[in-house]
C-alpha atoms as a PDB file:
ATOM      1  CA  UNK A   1     103.205 149.593  95.431  1.00  0.00           C
ATOM      2  CA  UNK A   2     102.915 152.771  97.527  1.00  0.00           C
ATOM      3  CA  UNK A   3      99.475 153.401  96.070  1.00  0.00           C
ATOM      4  CA  UNK A   4      98.482 149.990  97.449  1.00  0.00           C
ATOM      5  CA  UNK A   5      99.551 151.131 100.927  1.00  0.00           C
ATOM      6  CA  UNK A   6      97.628 154.364 100.550  1.00  0.00           C
ATOM      7  CA  UNK A   7      94.568 152.430  99.356  1.00  0.00           C
ATOM      8  CA  UNK A   8      94.821 150.034 102.301  1.00  0.00           C
ATOM      9  CA  UNK A   9      95.166 152.934 104.735  1.00  0.00           C
ATOM     10  CA  UNK A  10      92.242 154.848 103.249  1.00  0.00           C
ATOM     11  CA  UNK A  11      90.146 151.712 103.281  1.00  0.00           C
ATOM     12  CA  UNK A  12      90.877 151.135 106.953  1.00  0.00           C
ATOM     13  CA  UNK A  13      90.108 154.762 107.831  1.00  0.00           C
ATOM     14  CA  UNK A  14      86.710 154.434 106.153  1.00  0.00           C
ATOM     15  CA  UNK A  15      86.021 151.077 107.736  1.00  0.00           C
ATOM     16  CA  UNK A  16      86.880 152.097 111.290  1.00  0.00           C
ATOM     17  CA  UNK A  17      85.217 155.467 111.140  1.00  0.00           C
ATOM     18  CA  UNK A  18      81.979 153.571 110.445  1.00  0.00           C
ATOM     19  CA  UNK A  19      82.428 150.537 112.718  1.00  0.00           C
ATOM     20  CA  UNK A  20      83.354 151.067 116.345  1.00  0.00           C
ATOM     21  CA  UNK A  21      81.995 147.905 117.913  1.00  0.00           C
ATOM     22  CA  UNK A  22      85.130 145.959 118.757  1.00  0.00           C
ATOM     23  CA  UNK A  23      85.949 144.913 122.295  1.00  0.00           C
ATOM     24  CA  UNK A  24      88.406 147.151 124.123  1.00  0.00           C
ATOM     25  CA  UNK A  25      91.291 144.627 124.315  1.00  0.00           C
ATOM     26  CA  UNK A  26      90.958 143.769 120.642  1.00  0.00           C
ATOM     27  CA  UNK A  27      90.842 147.447 119.719  1.00  0.00           C
ATOM     28  CA  UNK A  28      93.992 148.085 121.754  1.00  0.00           C
ATOM     29  CA  UNK A  29      95.928 145.299 120.012  1.00  0.00           C
ATOM     30  CA  UNK A  30      94.681 146.384 116.601  1.00  0.00           C
ATOM     31  CA  UNK A  31      95.578 149.996 117.331  1.00  0.00           C
ATOM     32  CA  UNK A  32      99.078 148.914 118.338  1.00  0.00           C
ATOM     33  CA  UNK A  33      99.590 146.931 115.119  1.00  0.00           C
ATOM     34  CA  UNK A  34      98.331 149.807 112.977  1.00  0.00           C
ATOM     35  CA  UNK A  35     100.618 152.275 114.758  1.00  0.00           C
ATOM     36  CA  UNK A  36     103.550 149.913 114.266  1.00  0.00           C
ATOM     37  CA  UNK A  37     102.811 149.767 110.520  1.00  0.00           C
ATOM     38  CA  UNK A  38     102.695 153.570 110.483  1.00  0.00           C
ATOM     39  CA  UNK A  39     106.018 153.680 112.351  1.00  0.00           C
ATOM     40  CA  UNK A  40     107.586 151.235 109.881  1.00  0.00           C
ATOM     41  CA  UNK A  41     106.428 153.302 106.919  1.00  0.00           C
ATOM     42  CA  UNK A  42     107.696 156.516 108.502  1.00  0.00           C
ATOM     43  CA  UNK A  43     111.062 154.876 109.271  1.00  0.00           C
ATOM     44  CA  UNK A  44     111.262 153.636 105.688  1.00  0.00           C
ATOM     45  CA  UNK A  45     110.521 157.149 104.400  1.00  0.00           C
ATOM     46  CA  UNK A  46     113.226 158.554 106.678  1.00  0.00           C
ATOM     47  CA  UNK A  47     115.726 155.935 105.487  1.00  0.00           C
ATOM     48  CA  UNK A  48     114.971 156.655 101.841  1.00  0.00           C
ATOM     49  CA  UNK A  49     115.191 160.397 102.386  1.00  0.00           C
ATOM     50  CA  UNK A  50     118.640 159.859 103.959  1.00  0.00           C
ATOM     51  CA  UNK A  51     119.701 157.490 101.135  1.00  0.00           C
ATOM     52  CA  UNK A  52     119.782 154.505 103.508  1.00  0.00           C
ATOM     53  CA  UNK A  53     118.619 151.097 102.306  1.00  0.00           C
ATOM     54  CA  UNK A  54     115.661 149.969 104.498  1.00  0.00           C
ATOM     55  CA  UNK A  55     117.027 146.548 105.518  1.00  0.00           C
ATOM     56  CA  UNK A  56     114.496 144.176 107.041  1.00  0.00           C
ATOM     57  CA  UNK A  57     111.458 146.299 106.316  1.00  0.00           C
ATOM     58  CA  UNK A  58     109.973 143.762 103.869  1.00  0.00           C
ATOM     59  CA  UNK A  59     109.924 140.993 106.449  1.00  0.00           C
ATOM     60  CA  UNK A  60     108.617 143.327 109.123  1.00  0.00           C
ATOM     61  CA  UNK A  61     105.796 144.518 106.845  1.00  0.00           C
ATOM     62  CA  UNK A  62     104.882 140.953 105.862  1.00  0.00           C
ATOM     63  CA  UNK A  63     104.617 139.952 109.528  1.00  0.00           C
ATOM     64  CA  UNK A  64     102.638 143.046 110.462  1.00  0.00           C
ATOM     65  CA  UNK A  65     100.290 142.552 107.514  1.00  0.00           C
ATOM     66  CA  UNK A  66      99.689 138.930 108.545  1.00  0.00           C
ATOM     67  CA  UNK A  67      99.030 140.034 112.137  1.00  0.00           C
ATOM     68  CA  UNK A  68      96.628 142.717 110.970  1.00  0.00           C
ATOM     69  CA  UNK A  69      94.634 140.262 108.869  1.00  0.00           C
ATOM     70  CA  UNK A  70      94.441 137.844 111.819  1.00  0.00           C
ATOM     71  CA  UNK A  71      93.349 140.618 114.176  1.00  0.00           C
ATOM     72  CA  UNK A  72      90.567 141.593 111.784  1.00  0.00           C
ATOM     73  CA  UNK A  73      89.281 138.010 111.538  1.00  0.00           C
ATOM     74  CA  UNK A  74      85.551 137.968 112.072  1.00  0.00           C
ATOM     75  CA  UNK A  75      85.279 141.730 111.774  1.00  0.00           C
ATOM     76  CA  UNK A  76      85.577 142.029 107.990  1.00  0.00           C
ATOM     77  CA  UNK A  77      83.683 140.082 105.376  1.00  0.00           C
ATOM     78  CA  UNK A  78      85.517 137.769 102.985  1.00  0.00           C
ATOM     79  CA  UNK A  79      85.753 140.342 100.175  1.00  0.00           C
ATOM     80  CA  UNK A  80      87.090 143.031 102.516  1.00  0.00           C
ATOM     81  CA  UNK A  81      89.765 140.660 103.851  1.00  0.00           C
ATOM     82  CA  UNK A  82      90.713 139.670 100.290  1.00  0.00           C
ATOM     83  CA  UNK A  83      91.100 143.309  99.176  1.00  0.00           C
ATOM     84  CA  UNK A  84      93.062 144.348 102.245  1.00  0.00           C
ATOM     85  CA  UNK A  85      95.320 141.303 102.088  1.00  0.00           C
ATOM     86  CA  UNK A  86      96.023 141.930  98.388  1.00  0.00           C
ATOM     87  CA  UNK A  87      97.011 145.562  99.000  1.00  0.00           C
ATOM     88  CA  UNK A  88      99.158 144.719 102.017  1.00  0.00           C
ATOM     89  CA  UNK A  89     100.936 141.907 100.181  1.00  0.00           C
ATOM     90  CA  UNK A  90     101.771 144.237  97.301  1.00  0.00           C
ATOM     91  CA  UNK A  91     103.045 146.808  99.754  1.00  0.00           C
ATOM     92  CA  UNK A  92     105.223 144.439 101.759  1.00  0.00           C
ATOM     93  CA  UNK A  93     108.152 144.874  99.377  1.00  0.00           C
ATOM     94  CA  UNK A  94     109.386 148.049 101.054  1.00  0.00           C
ATOM     95  CA  UNK A  95     113.049 147.387 100.301  1.00  0.00           C
ATOM     96  CA  UNK A  96     112.306 147.669  96.570  1.00  0.00           C
ATOM     97  CA  UNK A  97     111.363 151.295  97.171  1.00  0.00           C
ATOM     98  CA  UNK A  98     115.034 152.178  97.441  1.00  0.00           C
ATOM     99  CA  UNK A  99     115.316 152.214  93.646  1.00  0.00           C
ATOM    100  CA  UNK A 100     112.516 154.798  93.405  1.00  0.00           C
ATOM    101  CA  UNK A 101     113.632 157.096  96.222  1.00  0.00           C
ATOM    102  CA  UNK A 102     114.628 159.914  93.835  1.00  0.00           C
ATOM    103  CA  UNK A 103     111.214 160.114  92.137  1.00  0.00           C
ATOM    104  CA  UNK A 104     109.673 163.489  93.074  1.00  0.00           C
ATOM    105  CA  UNK A 105     106.906 163.107  95.651  1.00  0.00           C
ATOM    106  CA  UNK A 106     107.586 159.408  96.166  1.00  0.00           C
ATOM    107  CA  UNK A 107     108.707 159.662  99.788  1.00  0.00           C
ATOM    108  CA  UNK A 108     105.784 161.996 100.472  1.00  0.00           C
ATOM    109  CA  UNK A 109     103.441 159.203  99.340  1.00  0.00           C
ATOM    110  CA  UNK A 110     105.033 156.801 101.821  1.00  0.00           C
ATOM    111  CA  UNK A 111     104.463 159.361 104.559  1.00  0.00           C
ATOM    112  CA  UNK A 112     100.874 159.793 103.385  1.00  0.00           C
ATOM    113  CA  UNK A 113     100.343 156.041 103.699  1.00  0.00           C
ATOM    114  CA  UNK A 114     101.914 156.176 107.160  1.00  0.00           C
ATOM    115  CA  UNK A 115      99.467 158.905 108.125  1.00  0.00           C
ATOM    116  CA  UNK A 116      96.501 156.769 107.122  1.00  0.00           C
ATOM    117  CA  UNK A 117      97.688 153.941 109.366  1.00  0.00           C
ATOM    118  CA  UNK A 118      98.261 156.373 112.253  1.00  0.00           C
ATOM    119  CA  UNK A 119      94.737 157.755 111.732  1.00  0.00           C
ATOM    120  CA  UNK A 120      93.191 154.296 111.881  1.00  0.00           C
ATOM    121  CA  UNK A 121      95.267 153.494 114.986  1.00  0.00           C
ATOM    122  CA  UNK A 122      93.777 156.557 116.654  1.00  0.00           C
ATOM    123  CA  UNK A 123      90.246 155.706 115.499  1.00  0.00           C
ATOM    124  CA  UNK A 124      90.483 152.179 116.871  1.00  0.00           C
ATOM    125  CA  UNK A 125      91.769 153.348 120.233  1.00  0.00           C
ATOM    126  CA  UNK A 126      88.416 154.933 121.184  1.00  0.00           C
END
């Protein structure tokens, strides 16, 4: 599940480092959504590190993933949308991560995924 988030983040970093032709308002909204996903992942990592169950994070991630796909409409081809949507849907079950919080390096992977979304947010803001 976390690997799906990392894959989605890496994919977006690659995509937006190559394509910088979005209109400014659209880029701003997209950047905001990506940063919010990064914030949610970081908050989830913090909760898990502090042994706190991340209530509500699944629903938040589902909504953010849906928003992201809508914001990318017309910018990605059908296959790219399908791949991104698949990875984000797999990753939307953040509350299930609570059971795996003690696995060594697991929380670090969540933070790595968060970093990818922050990077794309920065790339889209230019």
